[in-house]
Structures are given as C-alpha cells and as structure tokens.
Amino acid sequence: MEYCLSVGLSFETAATALKRLYEQEPEFANAASERRFMLWWDSQERSLSLVEFDLERAIASLKSGQPVIPLWLDRIYKQLNSKVKGVE
C-alpha cells in the first residue's frame, strides 16, 4: 500500500490495485514471488489496469503520454525487508 501511495495513487486506487494484485498473485507478499506487473492506462476502460509487465507496452504507453506504474514484487519485497530490518 505504501508503495502505491508513494507513486501518487489515491487511497482508493491503491486499494483497488492491491485487491487485483492479490487476485492475480495470492502469494504476492512471499519473498519467492518475482513476478512483475504494471498498472497501465487502459484507454477503453478509462482506468488503470493491472497487467503483466511488458517493456514494449510500457514504452508505447509512456510515449503516448499515458501513465505506467511498475509493481515489481521482488523489488517491493526487498524494500519492505530492508525497512523491517531497520526497525529491529
């Protein structure tokens, strides 16, 4: 949640993204999960959609001025792990 909020998503949008992430990857908080997703602007739905990360699709979206927010579970887990270690 913190990551989603830190990239500028509203609380509602961040909560929806996490719900979709949990539906697609129930073990997303597991350190072994290395799947990479992105929140990508779906112009037909007129909303952010959670899809598997695709570099070409991300670049095309950015070139057209649309947002792309990476959700790389391995990196998010590393950030969480380092924060937890810093608290101990």
C-alpha atoms as a PDB file:
ATOM      1  CA  MET A   1       0.000   0.000   0.000  1.00  0.00           C
ATOM      2  CA  GLU A   2       2.779   2.400   0.944  1.00  0.00           C
ATOM      3  CA  TYR A   3       4.467   1.943  -2.435  1.00  0.00           C
ATOM      4  CA  CYS A   4       1.227   2.633  -4.321  1.00  0.00           C
ATOM      5  CA  LEU A   5       0.585   5.751  -2.284  1.00  0.00           C
ATOM      6  CA  SER A   6       4.191   6.903  -2.706  1.00  0.00           C
ATOM      7  CA  VAL A   7       3.850   6.914  -6.505  1.00  0.00           C
ATOM      8  CA  GLY A   8       0.858   9.235  -6.251  1.00  0.00           C
ATOM      9  CA  LEU A   9      -2.137   6.921  -6.323  1.00  0.00           C
ATOM     10  CA  SER A  10      -5.167   7.823  -4.260  1.00  0.00           C
ATOM     11  CA  PHE A  11      -6.027   5.531  -1.366  1.00  0.00           C
ATOM     12  CA  GLU A  12      -8.999   4.117  -3.281  1.00  0.00           C
ATOM     13  CA  THR A  13      -6.940   3.415  -6.410  1.00  0.00           C
ATOM     14  CA  ALA A  14      -4.121   1.880  -4.357  1.00  0.00           C
ATOM     15  CA  ALA A  15      -6.572  -0.384  -2.512  1.00  0.00           C
ATOM     16  CA  THR A  16      -8.124  -1.499  -5.805  1.00  0.00           C
ATOM     17  CA  ALA A  17      -4.680  -2.200  -7.266  1.00  0.00           C
ATOM     18  CA  LEU A  18      -3.731  -4.318  -4.248  1.00  0.00           C
ATOM     19  CA  LYS A  19      -7.002  -6.225  -4.458  1.00  0.00           C
ATOM     20  CA  ARG A  20      -6.358  -7.007  -8.130  1.00  0.00           C
ATOM     21  CA  LEU A  21      -2.773  -7.951  -7.325  1.00  0.00           C
ATOM     22  CA  TYR A  22      -3.967 -10.370  -4.643  1.00  0.00           C
ATOM     23  CA  GLU A  23      -6.452 -11.900  -7.099  1.00  0.00           C
ATOM     24  CA  GLN A  24      -3.712 -12.493  -9.692  1.00  0.00           C
ATOM     25  CA  GLU A  25      -0.900 -13.375  -7.284  1.00  0.00           C
ATOM     26  CA  PRO A  26      -2.222 -14.525  -3.880  1.00  0.00           C
ATOM     27  CA  GLU A  27       1.345 -15.074  -2.650  1.00  0.00           C
ATOM     28  CA  PHE A  28       2.494 -11.578  -3.626  1.00  0.00           C
ATOM     29  CA  ALA A  29       3.960 -10.945  -0.167  1.00  0.00           C
ATOM     30  CA  ASN A  30       6.087 -14.082  -0.392  1.00  0.00           C
ATOM     31  CA  ALA A  31       9.792 -13.376  -0.855  1.00  0.00           C
ATOM     32  CA  ALA A  32       9.982 -16.051  -3.557  1.00  0.00           C
ATOM     33  CA  SER A  33       7.491 -14.211  -5.768  1.00  0.00           C
ATOM     34  CA  GLU A  34       9.389 -12.486  -8.539  1.00  0.00           C
ATOM     35  CA  ARG A  35       6.531 -11.689 -10.879  1.00  0.00           C
ATOM     36  CA  ARG A  36       6.441  -8.225 -12.328  1.00  0.00           C
ATOM     37  CA  PHE A  37       3.288  -6.303 -13.033  1.00  0.00           C
ATOM     38  CA  MET A  38       2.413  -2.792 -14.056  1.00  0.00           C
ATOM     39  CA  LEU A  39      -0.533  -0.512 -13.656  1.00  0.00           C
ATOM     40  CA  TRP A  40      -1.225   0.535 -17.197  1.00  0.00           C
ATOM     41  CA  TRP A  41      -3.768   3.027 -18.510  1.00  0.00           C
ATOM     42  CA  ASP A  42      -6.455   1.129 -20.395  1.00  0.00           C
ATOM     43  CA  SER A  43      -7.999   3.711 -22.697  1.00  0.00           C
ATOM     44  CA  GLN A  44     -11.028   1.525 -23.446  1.00  0.00           C
ATOM     45  CA  GLU A  45     -11.844   1.023 -19.756  1.00  0.00           C
ATOM     46  CA  ARG A  46     -10.612   4.532 -18.929  1.00  0.00           C
ATOM     47  CA  SER A  47      -8.866   3.262 -15.815  1.00  0.00           C
ATOM     48  CA  LEU A  48      -5.623   1.747 -14.609  1.00  0.00           C
ATOM     49  CA  SER A  49      -5.397  -1.982 -15.245  1.00  0.00           C
ATOM     50  CA  LEU A  50      -3.059  -4.451 -13.593  1.00  0.00           C
ATOM     51  CA  VAL A  51      -1.220  -6.454 -16.255  1.00  0.00           C
ATOM     52  CA  GLU A  52       1.998  -8.458 -16.518  1.00  0.00           C
ATOM     53  CA  PHE A  53       4.933  -6.125 -17.075  1.00  0.00           C
ATOM     54  CA  ASP A  54       5.727  -5.744 -20.760  1.00  0.00           C
ATOM     55  CA  LEU A  55       8.568  -3.371 -21.595  1.00  0.00           C
ATOM     56  CA  GLU A  56       7.394  -2.599 -25.138  1.00  0.00           C
ATOM     57  CA  ARG A  57       3.849  -1.938 -23.961  1.00  0.00           C
ATOM     58  CA  ALA A  58       5.149   0.281 -21.154  1.00  0.00           C
ATOM     59  CA  ILE A  59       7.325   2.300 -23.530  1.00  0.00           C
ATOM     60  CA  ALA A  60       4.470   2.715 -26.018  1.00  0.00           C
ATOM     61  CA  SER A  61       2.182   3.879 -23.238  1.00  0.00           C
ATOM     62  CA  LEU A  62       4.729   6.381 -21.952  1.00  0.00           C
ATOM     63  CA  LYS A  63       5.388   7.679 -25.469  1.00  0.00           C
ATOM     64  CA  SER A  64       1.679   8.370 -25.850  1.00  0.00           C
ATOM     65  CA  GLY A  65       1.660  10.263 -22.551  1.00  0.00           C
ATOM     66  CA  GLN A  66      -0.159   7.600 -20.553  1.00  0.00           C
ATOM     67  CA  PRO A  67       0.914   6.505 -17.064  1.00  0.00           C
ATOM     68  CA  VAL A  68       2.695   3.259 -16.284  1.00  0.00           C
ATOM     69  CA  ILE A  69       3.405   2.263 -12.696  1.00  0.00           C
ATOM     70  CA  PRO A  70       5.661  -0.760 -12.215  1.00  0.00           C
ATOM     71  CA  LEU A  71       4.748  -3.236  -9.479  1.00  0.00           C
ATOM     72  CA  TRP A  72       7.779  -5.466  -9.335  1.00  0.00           C
ATOM     73  CA  LEU A  73       7.150  -7.778  -6.419  1.00  0.00           C
ATOM     74  CA  ASP A  74      10.808  -8.680  -5.926  1.00  0.00           C
ATOM     75  CA  ARG A  75      11.806  -5.031  -5.534  1.00  0.00           C
ATOM     76  CA  ILE A  76       8.853  -4.169  -3.312  1.00  0.00           C
ATOM     77  CA  TYR A  77       9.683  -7.138  -1.090  1.00  0.00           C
ATOM     78  CA  LYS A  78      13.320  -6.010  -0.824  1.00  0.00           C
ATOM     79  CA  GLN A  79      12.185  -2.524   0.214  1.00  0.00           C
ATOM     80  CA  LEU A  80       9.862  -3.964   2.853  1.00  0.00           C
ATOM     81  CA  ASN A  81      12.538  -6.323   4.105  1.00  0.00           C
ATOM     82  CA  SER A  82      15.089  -3.535   4.489  1.00  0.00           C
ATOM     83  CA  LYS A  83      12.570  -1.394   6.400  1.00  0.00           C
ATOM     84  CA  VAL A  84      11.744  -4.265   8.748  1.00  0.00           C
ATOM     85  CA  LYS A  85      15.438  -4.904   9.381  1.00  0.00           C
ATOM     86  CA  GLY A  86      15.920  -1.200  10.070  1.00  0.00           C
ATOM     87  CA  VAL A  87      13.206  -1.275  12.744  1.00  0.00           C
ATOM     88  CA  GLU A  88      14.627  -4.250  14.628  1.00  0.00           C
END
